[in-house]
Amino acid sequence: MITDAQWSRMVTAGLWRKGCPDVRDQLRRVEMNYVGFDGEVHRGVLVVNADVTASVVRIFTRLFEEGFPIRRMEPMEAYDGDLNASLRDDNTSAFNCRRPDQINAPFRESPHANGRAIDINPLENPWKDLRSKRWSPSAKFAARTEGKGKILKEGLVWRAFMEEGWVWQDIKVPDYMHFDTGYPSKPFKGPSATPSSSTAEESTPAA
């Protein structure tokens, strides 16, 4: 569960406000090991919906075991809810009822606002911002060629999510970082088997 202390930080940072989906009781804090770009093991945090938690743990356990590098994995309150700041920092993140000037879907329908979407390595896997017609956070790695931390169709990350019933960048513009469980967001009906490894676990932080 999300503790009162963490929820307070999330609300203060603007991750949730009036008009956003009423999902507090559905959210879970998931702490996971991941392999950094430095090759070392790090501990990260994603906030996701309870109905995708087991799936997320299985997926990221697989990525950990295969050595797929992740730059960083911090909850969005670390960036005061600022999507652009998180993207610039190459941060892998999940739940965020985004600010009106940064949102790309109506609040209640948004997979991110319901905790059923994950953005991975935004710098290596950018998206095309419809408002500016530019790549965000950068066009540096827009080409879909092999590269460290990149998500490619039929590749490891793509297969890990697809086999769990997730969707990759299912919009009209490229969004290479983005996986979700469908739009508009609704309860996830994917596999329900328990996690098979201790490299990732659901964890509630101390208040």
N, C-alpha and C. Protein backbone atom coordinates (compact mmCIF):
# COMPACT_ATOMS: atom_id res chain seq x y z
N MET A 1 0.84 -1.20 0.00
CA MET A 1 0.00 0.00 0.00
C MET A 1 0.88 1.25 0.00
N ILE A 2 0.26 2.36 -0.34
CA ILE A 2 0.94 3.64 -0.26
C ILE A 2 0.69 4.23 1.13
N THR A 3 1.75 4.51 1.86
CA THR A 3 1.60 5.06 3.21
C THR A 3 1.06 6.49 3.16
N ASP A 4 0.55 6.96 4.30
CA ASP A 4 0.07 8.34 4.38
C ASP A 4 1.18 9.32 4.06
N ALA A 5 2.40 9.01 4.52
CA ALA A 5 3.53 9.92 4.30
C ALA A 5 3.85 10.01 2.81
N GLN A 6 3.89 8.86 2.13
CA GLN A 6 4.21 8.92 0.71
C GLN A 6 3.08 9.58 -0.08
N TRP A 7 1.83 9.25 0.28
CA TRP A 7 0.70 9.87 -0.43
C TRP A 7 0.74 11.38 -0.28
N SER A 8 1.08 11.85 0.92
CA SER A 8 1.18 13.29 1.14
C SER A 8 2.23 13.90 0.23
N ARG A 9 3.37 13.22 0.09
CA ARG A 9 4.42 13.72 -0.81
C ARG A 9 3.94 13.74 -2.26
N MET A 10 3.19 12.72 -2.64
CA MET A 10 2.69 12.63 -4.01
C MET A 10 1.69 13.74 -4.31
N VAL A 11 0.78 13.99 -3.37
CA VAL A 11 -0.21 15.05 -3.56
C VAL A 11 0.46 16.42 -3.59
N THR A 12 1.42 16.62 -2.69
CA THR A 12 2.15 17.89 -2.66
C THR A 12 2.89 18.13 -3.97
N ALA A 13 3.41 17.07 -4.56
CA ALA A 13 4.14 17.17 -5.82
C ALA A 13 3.21 17.29 -7.03
N GLY A 14 1.90 17.14 -6.81
CA GLY A 14 0.95 17.29 -7.90
C GLY A 14 0.71 16.02 -8.70
N LEU A 15 1.15 14.87 -8.18
CA LEU A 15 0.92 13.61 -8.91
C LEU A 15 -0.54 13.21 -8.88
N TRP A 16 -1.25 13.71 -7.88
CA TRP A 16 -2.69 13.50 -7.80
C TRP A 16 -3.35 14.77 -7.30
N ARG A 17 -4.51 15.09 -7.86
CA ARG A 17 -5.27 16.27 -7.47
C ARG A 17 -6.73 16.03 -7.85
N LYS A 18 -7.58 16.93 -7.46
CA LYS A 18 -9.00 16.81 -7.76
C LYS A 18 -9.21 16.67 -9.26
N GLY A 19 -10.00 15.69 -9.65
CA GLY A 19 -10.25 15.43 -11.07
C GLY A 19 -9.50 14.22 -11.58
N CYS A 20 -8.45 13.81 -10.86
CA CYS A 20 -7.70 12.62 -11.23
C CYS A 20 -8.46 11.37 -10.76
N PRO A 21 -8.18 10.22 -11.34
CA PRO A 21 -8.83 8.98 -10.88
C PRO A 21 -8.59 8.74 -9.41
N ASP A 22 -9.60 8.24 -8.70
CA ASP A 22 -9.50 7.98 -7.27
C ASP A 22 -8.83 6.62 -7.07
N VAL A 23 -7.50 6.61 -7.14
CA VAL A 23 -6.77 5.33 -7.19
C VAL A 23 -5.85 5.09 -6.00
N ARG A 24 -5.90 5.95 -5.00
CA ARG A 24 -4.93 5.77 -3.91
C ARG A 24 -4.92 4.34 -3.37
N ASP A 25 -6.09 3.78 -3.07
CA ASP A 25 -6.15 2.45 -2.48
C ASP A 25 -5.72 1.36 -3.46
N GLN A 26 -5.64 1.70 -4.74
CA GLN A 26 -5.23 0.73 -5.76
C GLN A 26 -3.73 0.74 -6.02
N LEU A 27 -3.05 1.77 -5.56
CA LEU A 27 -1.63 1.92 -5.90
C LEU A 27 -0.73 1.12 -4.96
N ARG A 28 0.37 0.65 -5.52
CA ARG A 28 1.37 -0.08 -4.76
C ARG A 28 2.75 0.47 -5.08
N ARG A 29 3.58 0.55 -4.06
CA ARG A 29 4.99 0.92 -4.24
C ARG A 29 5.77 -0.37 -4.44
N VAL A 30 6.49 -0.49 -5.54
CA VAL A 30 7.24 -1.70 -5.85
C VAL A 30 8.72 -1.36 -5.92
N GLU A 31 9.52 -1.96 -5.04
CA GLU A 31 10.96 -1.76 -5.04
C GLU A 31 11.62 -2.93 -5.77
N MET A 32 12.53 -2.61 -6.69
CA MET A 32 13.12 -3.65 -7.53
C MET A 32 14.60 -3.39 -7.78
N ASN A 33 15.35 -4.48 -7.89
CA ASN A 33 16.73 -4.37 -8.35
C ASN A 33 16.73 -4.17 -9.86
N TYR A 34 17.70 -3.39 -10.32
CA TYR A 34 17.90 -3.26 -11.76
C TYR A 34 19.39 -3.07 -12.04
N VAL A 35 19.79 -3.38 -13.25
CA VAL A 35 21.17 -3.21 -13.68
C VAL A 35 21.31 -1.81 -14.28
N GLY A 36 22.21 -1.02 -13.72
CA GLY A 36 22.40 0.33 -14.23
C GLY A 36 23.27 0.36 -15.47
N PHE A 37 23.41 1.54 -16.05
CA PHE A 37 24.29 1.72 -17.21
C PHE A 37 25.75 1.53 -16.82
N ASP A 38 26.02 1.54 -15.51
CA ASP A 38 27.37 1.31 -15.03
C ASP A 38 27.66 -0.17 -14.81
N GLY A 39 26.65 -1.02 -15.07
CA GLY A 39 26.82 -2.46 -14.89
C GLY A 39 26.61 -2.94 -13.47
N GLU A 40 26.35 -2.02 -12.55
CA GLU A 40 26.15 -2.36 -11.15
C GLU A 40 24.67 -2.56 -10.84
N VAL A 41 24.39 -3.24 -9.73
CA VAL A 41 23.01 -3.46 -9.30
C VAL A 41 22.54 -2.27 -8.46
N HIS A 42 21.36 -1.75 -8.79
CA HIS A 42 20.78 -0.63 -8.07
C HIS A 42 19.37 -1.01 -7.62
N ARG A 43 18.84 -0.24 -6.68
CA ARG A 43 17.48 -0.46 -6.19
C ARG A 43 16.61 0.68 -6.67
N GLY A 44 15.50 0.36 -7.31
CA GLY A 44 14.61 1.38 -7.83
C GLY A 44 13.20 1.23 -7.32
N VAL A 45 12.37 2.21 -7.64
CA VAL A 45 10.97 2.22 -7.18
C VAL A 45 10.05 2.61 -8.33
N LEU A 46 8.97 1.84 -8.48
CA LEU A 46 7.88 2.20 -9.38
C LEU A 46 6.60 2.19 -8.56
N VAL A 47 5.71 3.13 -8.83
CA VAL A 47 4.37 3.12 -8.23
C VAL A 47 3.40 2.71 -9.32
N VAL A 48 2.70 1.60 -9.10
CA VAL A 48 1.82 1.04 -10.12
C VAL A 48 0.50 0.59 -9.48
N ASN A 49 -0.46 0.27 -10.33
CA ASN A 49 -1.73 -0.25 -9.85
C ASN A 49 -1.56 -1.67 -9.33
N ALA A 50 -2.31 -2.03 -8.29
CA ALA A 50 -2.21 -3.36 -7.71
C ALA A 50 -2.45 -4.45 -8.74
N ASP A 51 -3.32 -4.19 -9.73
CA ASP A 51 -3.65 -5.26 -10.67
C ASP A 51 -2.55 -5.54 -11.69
N VAL A 52 -1.51 -4.69 -11.75
CA VAL A 52 -0.38 -4.97 -12.64
C VAL A 52 0.90 -5.29 -11.87
N THR A 53 0.83 -5.26 -10.54
CA THR A 53 2.03 -5.42 -9.73
C THR A 53 2.77 -6.72 -10.02
N ALA A 54 2.07 -7.85 -10.01
CA ALA A 54 2.72 -9.13 -10.25
C ALA A 54 3.34 -9.17 -11.64
N SER A 55 2.64 -8.61 -12.62
CA SER A 55 3.16 -8.57 -13.99
C SER A 55 4.42 -7.72 -14.07
N VAL A 56 4.41 -6.55 -13.42
CA VAL A 56 5.58 -5.66 -13.41
C VAL A 56 6.77 -6.36 -12.78
N VAL A 57 6.55 -7.06 -11.67
CA VAL A 57 7.64 -7.76 -11.00
C VAL A 57 8.22 -8.83 -11.93
N ARG A 58 7.38 -9.59 -12.59
CA ARG A 58 7.89 -10.62 -13.51
C ARG A 58 8.69 -10.01 -14.65
N ILE A 59 8.17 -8.93 -15.22
CA ILE A 59 8.85 -8.29 -16.35
C ILE A 59 10.22 -7.76 -15.94
N PHE A 60 10.28 -7.02 -14.84
CA PHE A 60 11.55 -6.40 -14.45
C PHE A 60 12.53 -7.41 -13.86
N THR A 61 12.00 -8.49 -13.31
CA THR A 61 12.89 -9.58 -12.91
C THR A 61 13.58 -10.15 -14.14
N ARG A 62 12.82 -10.35 -15.19
CA ARG A 62 13.39 -10.87 -16.45
C ARG A 62 14.43 -9.91 -17.02
N LEU A 63 14.13 -8.61 -17.01
CA LEU A 63 15.09 -7.63 -17.53
C LEU A 63 16.36 -7.62 -16.69
N PHE A 64 16.18 -7.75 -15.36
CA PHE A 64 17.34 -7.81 -14.46
C PHE A 64 18.20 -9.03 -14.78
N GLU A 65 17.57 -10.18 -14.91
CA GLU A 65 18.30 -11.42 -15.15
C GLU A 65 19.02 -11.40 -16.51
N GLU A 66 18.44 -10.68 -17.47
CA GLU A 66 19.05 -10.59 -18.80
C GLU A 66 20.05 -9.44 -18.91
N GLY A 67 20.15 -8.65 -17.85
CA GLY A 67 21.14 -7.57 -17.83
C GLY A 67 20.76 -6.34 -18.63
N PHE A 68 19.46 -6.15 -18.90
CA PHE A 68 19.06 -4.94 -19.64
C PHE A 68 19.30 -3.71 -18.76
N PRO A 69 20.03 -2.71 -19.27
CA PRO A 69 20.39 -1.55 -18.44
C PRO A 69 19.27 -0.52 -18.33
N ILE A 70 19.08 -0.01 -17.12
CA ILE A 70 18.13 1.06 -16.85
C ILE A 70 18.90 2.19 -16.19
N ARG A 71 18.69 3.40 -16.67
CA ARG A 71 19.47 4.54 -16.17
C ARG A 71 19.16 4.85 -14.70
N ARG A 72 17.87 5.03 -14.41
CA ARG A 72 17.42 5.26 -13.03
C ARG A 72 15.94 4.95 -12.95
N MET A 73 15.47 4.74 -11.71
CA MET A 73 14.08 4.36 -11.50
C MET A 73 13.59 5.00 -10.20
N GLU A 74 13.06 6.21 -10.33
CA GLU A 74 12.61 6.99 -9.18
C GLU A 74 11.12 7.31 -9.32
N PRO A 75 10.37 7.29 -8.21
CA PRO A 75 8.96 7.70 -8.29
C PRO A 75 8.87 9.17 -8.65
N MET A 76 7.74 9.58 -9.24
CA MET A 76 7.64 10.92 -9.81
C MET A 76 7.68 12.04 -8.79
N GLU A 77 7.44 11.76 -7.51
CA GLU A 77 7.55 12.84 -6.53
C GLU A 77 8.99 13.32 -6.40
N ALA A 78 9.94 12.49 -6.83
CA ALA A 78 11.34 12.92 -6.83
C ALA A 78 11.57 14.07 -7.81
N TYR A 79 10.63 14.25 -8.74
CA TYR A 79 10.72 15.32 -9.74
C TYR A 79 9.58 16.32 -9.59
N ASP A 80 8.97 16.36 -8.42
CA ASP A 80 7.84 17.24 -8.16
C ASP A 80 6.73 17.07 -9.19
N GLY A 81 6.58 15.86 -9.70
CA GLY A 81 5.53 15.57 -10.66
C GLY A 81 5.78 16.12 -12.05
N ASP A 82 6.97 16.67 -12.29
CA ASP A 82 7.28 17.30 -13.57
C ASP A 82 7.72 16.24 -14.58
N LEU A 83 6.85 15.90 -15.51
CA LEU A 83 7.16 14.90 -16.52
C LEU A 83 8.41 15.24 -17.30
N ASN A 84 8.54 16.48 -17.73
CA ASN A 84 9.68 16.87 -18.55
C ASN A 84 10.99 16.71 -17.80
N ALA A 85 11.00 17.03 -16.51
CA ALA A 85 12.22 16.87 -15.72
C ALA A 85 12.59 15.40 -15.61
N SER A 86 11.61 14.54 -15.43
CA SER A 86 11.86 13.10 -15.35
C SER A 86 12.40 12.57 -16.67
N LEU A 87 11.83 13.02 -17.78
CA LEU A 87 12.31 12.57 -19.09
C LEU A 87 13.75 13.01 -19.32
N ARG A 88 14.05 14.26 -18.99
CA ARG A 88 15.41 14.77 -19.19
C ARG A 88 16.43 14.00 -18.38
N ASP A 89 16.01 13.49 -17.23
CA ASP A 89 16.91 12.75 -16.34
C ASP A 89 16.99 11.28 -16.72
N ASP A 90 16.32 10.90 -17.82
CA ASP A 90 16.33 9.52 -18.31
C ASP A 90 15.78 8.56 -17.25
N ASN A 91 14.71 9.01 -16.59
CA ASN A 91 14.14 8.27 -15.47
C ASN A 91 13.02 7.34 -15.92
N THR A 92 13.09 6.09 -15.50
CA THR A 92 12.03 5.12 -15.74
C THR A 92 10.98 5.30 -14.66
N SER A 93 9.71 5.51 -15.06
CA SER A 93 8.67 5.83 -14.09
C SER A 93 7.33 5.25 -14.53
N ALA A 94 6.34 5.34 -13.62
CA ALA A 94 5.03 4.76 -13.90
C ALA A 94 3.91 5.75 -13.55
N PHE A 95 3.33 5.64 -12.34
CA PHE A 95 2.16 6.46 -12.00
C PHE A 95 2.47 7.95 -12.02
N ASN A 96 1.55 8.70 -12.65
CA ASN A 96 1.60 10.16 -12.61
C ASN A 96 0.33 10.69 -13.28
N CYS A 97 -0.53 11.35 -12.52
CA CYS A 97 -1.65 12.06 -13.12
C CYS A 97 -1.08 13.40 -13.57
N ARG A 98 -0.68 13.46 -14.80
CA ARG A 98 0.17 14.54 -15.29
C ARG A 98 -0.48 15.91 -15.26
N ARG A 99 0.36 16.91 -15.23
CA ARG A 99 -0.11 18.29 -15.23
C ARG A 99 -0.86 18.59 -16.52
N PRO A 100 -1.84 19.49 -16.47
CA PRO A 100 -2.63 19.79 -17.67
C PRO A 100 -1.79 20.22 -18.87
N ASP A 101 -0.67 20.92 -18.63
CA ASP A 101 0.15 21.37 -19.75
C ASP A 101 1.12 20.29 -20.22
N GLN A 102 1.11 19.12 -19.56
CA GLN A 102 2.02 18.04 -19.94
C GLN A 102 1.29 16.75 -20.29
N ILE A 103 0.00 16.73 -20.08
CA ILE A 103 -0.75 15.48 -20.26
C ILE A 103 -0.96 15.20 -21.74
N ASN A 104 -1.02 13.92 -22.09
CA ASN A 104 -1.30 13.54 -23.48
C ASN A 104 -2.52 12.63 -23.55
N ALA A 105 -3.33 12.61 -22.47
CA ALA A 105 -4.57 11.85 -22.46
C ALA A 105 -5.47 12.42 -21.36
N PRO A 106 -6.80 12.35 -21.53
CA PRO A 106 -7.69 12.82 -20.45
C PRO A 106 -7.36 12.10 -19.15
N PHE A 107 -7.43 12.83 -18.03
CA PHE A 107 -7.01 12.28 -16.74
C PHE A 107 -7.58 10.89 -16.46
N ARG A 108 -8.91 10.77 -16.51
CA ARG A 108 -9.54 9.53 -16.06
C ARG A 108 -9.28 8.36 -16.99
N GLU A 109 -8.94 8.62 -18.23
CA GLU A 109 -8.68 7.55 -19.19
C GLU A 109 -7.20 7.19 -19.29
N SER A 110 -6.35 8.04 -18.76
CA SER A 110 -4.91 7.88 -18.91
C SER A 110 -4.36 6.65 -18.21
N PRO A 111 -3.61 5.79 -18.91
CA PRO A 111 -2.95 4.66 -18.24
C PRO A 111 -1.98 5.10 -17.15
N HIS A 112 -1.24 6.19 -17.37
CA HIS A 112 -0.32 6.66 -16.33
C HIS A 112 -1.08 7.12 -15.09
N ALA A 113 -2.19 7.81 -15.27
CA ALA A 113 -2.96 8.32 -14.13
C ALA A 113 -3.66 7.21 -13.37
N ASN A 114 -3.73 6.03 -13.96
CA ASN A 114 -4.32 4.86 -13.30
C ASN A 114 -3.27 3.85 -12.85
N GLY A 115 -2.00 4.18 -13.04
CA GLY A 115 -0.92 3.30 -12.59
C GLY A 115 -0.72 2.08 -13.47
N ARG A 116 -1.12 2.17 -14.74
CA ARG A 116 -1.00 1.02 -15.64
C ARG A 116 -0.17 1.36 -16.88
N ALA A 117 0.84 2.18 -16.70
CA ALA A 117 1.75 2.53 -17.80
C ALA A 117 3.14 2.74 -17.24
N ILE A 118 4.16 2.43 -18.04
CA ILE A 118 5.55 2.58 -17.63
C ILE A 118 6.34 3.17 -18.79
N ASP A 119 7.16 4.16 -18.48
CA ASP A 119 8.09 4.75 -19.45
C ASP A 119 9.49 4.32 -19.08
N ILE A 120 10.22 3.74 -20.02
CA ILE A 120 11.54 3.16 -19.74
C ILE A 120 12.62 3.89 -20.54
N ASN A 121 13.68 4.32 -19.83
CA ASN A 121 14.84 4.97 -20.47
C ASN A 121 14.40 5.99 -21.52
N PRO A 122 13.77 7.09 -21.12
CA PRO A 122 13.23 8.06 -22.08
C PRO A 122 14.25 8.63 -23.06
N LEU A 123 15.48 8.84 -22.63
CA LEU A 123 16.48 9.41 -23.54
C LEU A 123 16.76 8.46 -24.69
N GLU A 124 16.95 7.19 -24.39
CA GLU A 124 17.24 6.20 -25.42
C GLU A 124 15.99 5.81 -26.21
N ASN A 125 14.81 6.13 -25.66
CA ASN A 125 13.54 5.73 -26.28
C ASN A 125 12.56 6.91 -26.28
N PRO A 126 12.84 7.94 -27.06
CA PRO A 126 12.05 9.18 -26.98
C PRO A 126 10.67 9.05 -27.62
N TRP A 127 9.85 10.09 -27.39
CA TRP A 127 8.55 10.15 -28.05
C TRP A 127 8.43 11.44 -28.83
N LYS A 128 7.53 11.46 -29.79
CA LYS A 128 7.31 12.64 -30.62
C LYS A 128 6.19 13.46 -30.00
N ASP A 129 6.53 14.63 -29.50
CA ASP A 129 5.57 15.51 -28.83
C ASP A 129 4.69 16.17 -29.89
N LEU A 130 3.39 15.89 -29.85
CA LEU A 130 2.47 16.42 -30.85
C LEU A 130 2.38 17.94 -30.81
N ARG A 131 2.59 18.52 -29.61
CA ARG A 131 2.45 19.96 -29.49
C ARG A 131 3.61 20.70 -30.15
N SER A 132 4.82 20.21 -29.96
CA SER A 132 6.00 20.89 -30.50
C SER A 132 6.51 20.26 -31.80
N LYS A 133 6.00 19.04 -32.11
CA LYS A 133 6.45 18.29 -33.29
C LYS A 133 7.92 17.91 -33.17
N ARG A 134 8.41 17.87 -31.94
CA ARG A 134 9.82 17.53 -31.70
C ARG A 134 9.91 16.28 -30.84
N TRP A 135 11.09 15.65 -30.91
CA TRP A 135 11.33 14.50 -30.06
C TRP A 135 11.56 14.96 -28.63
N SER A 136 11.01 14.23 -27.68
CA SER A 136 11.19 14.55 -26.26
C SER A 136 11.66 13.29 -25.53
N PRO A 137 12.70 13.39 -24.69
CA PRO A 137 13.42 14.62 -24.30
C PRO A 137 14.48 15.07 -25.30
N SER A 138 14.81 14.25 -26.29
CA SER A 138 15.87 14.59 -27.23
C SER A 138 15.75 13.70 -28.46
N ALA A 139 16.23 14.20 -29.60
CA ALA A 139 16.23 13.41 -30.83
C ALA A 139 17.50 12.57 -30.98
N LYS A 140 18.37 12.63 -29.97
CA LYS A 140 19.68 11.98 -30.07
C LYS A 140 19.59 10.50 -30.43
N PHE A 141 18.61 9.79 -29.83
CA PHE A 141 18.50 8.35 -30.08
C PHE A 141 17.18 7.99 -30.76
N ALA A 142 16.65 8.90 -31.56
CA ALA A 142 15.37 8.65 -32.21
C ALA A 142 15.42 7.50 -33.21
N ALA A 143 16.57 7.31 -33.86
CA ALA A 143 16.69 6.23 -34.84
C ALA A 143 16.58 4.89 -34.13
N ARG A 144 15.80 3.99 -34.70
CA ARG A 144 15.59 2.67 -34.07
C ARG A 144 16.65 1.68 -34.54
N THR A 145 17.86 1.91 -34.08
CA THR A 145 18.98 1.02 -34.33
C THR A 145 19.39 0.39 -33.00
N GLU A 146 20.19 -0.64 -33.06
CA GLU A 146 20.66 -1.29 -31.83
C GLU A 146 21.41 -0.28 -30.97
N GLY A 147 21.25 -0.40 -29.67
CA GLY A 147 21.96 0.50 -28.77
C GLY A 147 21.65 0.19 -27.33
N LYS A 148 22.52 0.58 -26.45
CA LYS A 148 22.40 0.31 -25.03
C LYS A 148 21.14 0.97 -24.46
N GLY A 149 20.30 0.17 -23.81
CA GLY A 149 19.11 0.69 -23.17
C GLY A 149 17.94 0.97 -24.10
N LYS A 150 18.08 0.62 -25.37
CA LYS A 150 17.00 0.88 -26.34
C LYS A 150 15.96 -0.23 -26.33
N ILE A 151 14.73 0.17 -26.64
CA ILE A 151 13.62 -0.77 -26.80
C ILE A 151 13.33 -0.91 -28.28
N LEU A 152 13.45 -2.13 -28.80
CA LEU A 152 13.23 -2.38 -30.22
C LEU A 152 12.15 -3.44 -30.39
N LYS A 153 11.38 -3.32 -31.44
CA LYS A 153 10.36 -4.32 -31.72
C LYS A 153 11.01 -5.69 -31.87
N GLU A 154 10.43 -6.69 -31.23
CA GLU A 154 10.91 -8.06 -31.19
C GLU A 154 12.10 -8.25 -30.25
N GLY A 155 12.57 -7.16 -29.62
CA GLY A 155 13.70 -7.26 -28.70
C GLY A 155 13.28 -7.74 -27.31
N LEU A 156 14.25 -7.81 -26.41
CA LEU A 156 14.02 -8.35 -25.07
C LEU A 156 12.90 -7.64 -24.33
N VAL A 157 12.97 -6.30 -24.23
CA VAL A 157 11.96 -5.56 -23.47
C VAL A 157 10.59 -5.71 -24.12
N TRP A 158 10.54 -5.58 -25.42
CA TRP A 158 9.29 -5.73 -26.17
C TRP A 158 8.66 -7.10 -25.90
N ARG A 159 9.46 -8.15 -25.96
CA ARG A 159 8.93 -9.50 -25.74
C ARG A 159 8.44 -9.68 -24.30
N ALA A 160 9.20 -9.14 -23.34
CA ALA A 160 8.83 -9.28 -21.93
C ALA A 160 7.46 -8.66 -21.65
N PHE A 161 7.21 -7.49 -22.21
CA PHE A 161 5.91 -6.85 -22.01
C PHE A 161 4.81 -7.49 -22.84
N MET A 162 5.10 -7.79 -24.10
CA MET A 162 4.08 -8.37 -24.97
C MET A 162 3.56 -9.70 -24.44
N GLU A 163 4.46 -10.51 -23.91
CA GLU A 163 4.07 -11.82 -23.39
C GLU A 163 3.21 -11.71 -22.14
N GLU A 164 3.21 -10.53 -21.51
CA GLU A 164 2.38 -10.29 -20.34
C GLU A 164 1.07 -9.58 -20.71
N GLY A 165 0.87 -9.31 -21.98
CA GLY A 165 -0.37 -8.68 -22.41
C GLY A 165 -0.37 -7.17 -22.43
N TRP A 166 0.82 -6.54 -22.37
CA TRP A 166 0.92 -5.09 -22.43
C TRP A 166 0.97 -4.63 -23.88
N VAL A 167 0.84 -3.32 -24.07
CA VAL A 167 0.84 -2.70 -25.39
C VAL A 167 2.02 -1.73 -25.47
N TRP A 168 2.68 -1.69 -26.63
CA TRP A 168 3.81 -0.77 -26.83
C TRP A 168 3.40 0.39 -27.71
N GLN A 169 3.60 1.63 -27.24
CA GLN A 169 3.40 2.87 -28.00
C GLN A 169 2.21 2.79 -28.96
N ASP A 170 1.04 2.47 -28.42
CA ASP A 170 -0.15 2.31 -29.24
C ASP A 170 -0.85 3.66 -29.48
N ILE A 171 -0.11 4.58 -30.13
CA ILE A 171 -0.66 5.88 -30.47
C ILE A 171 -0.21 6.25 -31.88
N LYS A 172 -0.66 7.41 -32.36
CA LYS A 172 -0.39 7.78 -33.75
C LYS A 172 1.01 8.31 -33.98
N VAL A 173 1.73 8.65 -32.91
CA VAL A 173 3.09 9.13 -33.05
C VAL A 173 4.03 8.19 -32.32
N PRO A 174 5.31 8.15 -32.69
CA PRO A 174 6.26 7.28 -31.99
C PRO A 174 6.35 7.63 -30.51
N ASP A 175 6.36 6.61 -29.67
CA ASP A 175 6.50 6.78 -28.22
C ASP A 175 7.24 5.55 -27.72
N TYR A 176 8.52 5.47 -28.05
CA TYR A 176 9.29 4.25 -27.88
C TYR A 176 9.48 3.83 -26.42
N MET A 177 9.37 4.78 -25.48
CA MET A 177 9.57 4.47 -24.07
C MET A 177 8.36 3.81 -23.42
N HIS A 178 7.20 3.89 -24.03
CA HIS A 178 5.92 3.70 -23.35
C HIS A 178 5.28 2.33 -23.54
N PHE A 179 4.93 1.71 -22.39
CA PHE A 179 4.11 0.50 -22.38
C PHE A 179 2.91 0.75 -21.47
N ASP A 180 1.74 0.23 -21.87
CA ASP A 180 0.57 0.29 -21.00
C ASP A 180 -0.29 -0.95 -21.22
N THR A 181 -1.36 -1.06 -20.45
CA THR A 181 -2.22 -2.23 -20.54
C THR A 181 -3.51 -1.95 -21.30
N GLY A 182 -3.54 -0.85 -22.03
CA GLY A 182 -4.70 -0.52 -22.86
C GLY A 182 -5.26 0.85 -22.56
N TYR A 183 -5.90 1.43 -23.58
CA TYR A 183 -6.51 2.76 -23.47
C TYR A 183 -7.93 2.71 -24.00
N PRO A 184 -8.91 3.29 -23.28
CA PRO A 184 -8.77 3.90 -21.96
C PRO A 184 -8.45 2.86 -20.89
N SER A 185 -7.78 3.31 -19.83
CA SER A 185 -7.30 2.38 -18.81
C SER A 185 -8.46 1.73 -18.06
N LYS A 186 -8.34 0.43 -17.86
CA LYS A 186 -9.33 -0.34 -17.11
C LYS A 186 -8.61 -1.49 -16.43
N PRO A 187 -9.26 -2.18 -15.48
CA PRO A 187 -8.58 -3.26 -14.75
C PRO A 187 -7.88 -4.25 -15.66
N PHE A 188 -6.66 -4.60 -15.29
CA PHE A 188 -5.80 -5.47 -16.09
C PHE A 188 -6.22 -6.93 -15.92
N LYS A 189 -6.28 -7.65 -17.03
CA LYS A 189 -6.71 -9.06 -17.01
C LYS A 189 -5.59 -9.99 -17.46
N GLY A 190 -4.35 -9.57 -17.34
CA GLY A 190 -3.22 -10.37 -17.80
C GLY A 190 -2.92 -11.54 -16.88
N PRO A 191 -1.78 -12.21 -17.09
CA PRO A 191 -1.40 -13.36 -16.28
C PRO A 191 -1.39 -13.02 -14.79
N SER A 192 -1.72 -13.98 -13.95
CA SER A 192 -1.80 -13.72 -12.52
C SER A 192 -0.89 -14.60 -11.69
N ALA A 193 0.06 -15.30 -12.32
CA ALA A 193 0.97 -16.17 -11.59
C ALA A 193 1.84 -15.33 -10.65
N THR A 194 2.29 -15.93 -9.57
CA THR A 194 3.12 -15.20 -8.62
C THR A 194 4.53 -15.05 -9.16
N PRO A 195 5.27 -14.02 -8.70
CA PRO A 195 6.65 -13.82 -9.15
C PRO A 195 7.52 -15.02 -8.85
N SER A 196 8.51 -15.27 -9.72
CA SER A 196 9.35 -16.45 -9.57
C SER A 196 10.74 -16.14 -9.06
N SER A 197 11.04 -14.87 -8.78
CA SER A 197 12.39 -14.51 -8.37
C SER A 197 12.35 -13.47 -7.27
N SER A 198 13.39 -13.45 -6.45
CA SER A 198 13.46 -12.47 -5.36
C SER A 198 14.19 -11.21 -5.76
N THR A 199 14.55 -11.06 -7.04
CA THR A 199 15.26 -9.85 -7.46
C THR A 199 14.35 -8.64 -7.46
N ALA A 200 13.04 -8.86 -7.39
CA ALA A 200 12.10 -7.76 -7.34
C ALA A 200 11.02 -8.10 -6.33
N GLU A 201 10.55 -7.10 -5.60
CA GLU A 201 9.54 -7.39 -4.59
C GLU A 201 8.71 -6.15 -4.31
N GLU A 202 7.44 -6.38 -3.91
CA GLU A 202 6.63 -5.27 -3.48
C GLU A 202 7.08 -4.90 -2.08
N SER A 203 7.22 -3.60 -1.83
CA SER A 203 7.73 -3.17 -0.53
C SER A 203 7.07 -1.87 -0.13
N THR A 204 6.70 -1.77 1.12
CA THR A 204 6.13 -0.53 1.65
C THR A 204 7.19 0.17 2.47
N PRO A 205 7.53 1.41 2.16
CA PRO A 205 8.60 2.12 2.86
C PRO A 205 8.15 2.56 4.23
N ALA A 206 9.12 2.83 5.09
CA ALA A 206 8.80 3.37 6.42
C ALA A 206 8.23 4.77 6.25
N ALA A 207 7.28 5.10 7.08
CA ALA A 207 6.66 6.43 7.01
C ALA A 207 7.64 7.51 7.45
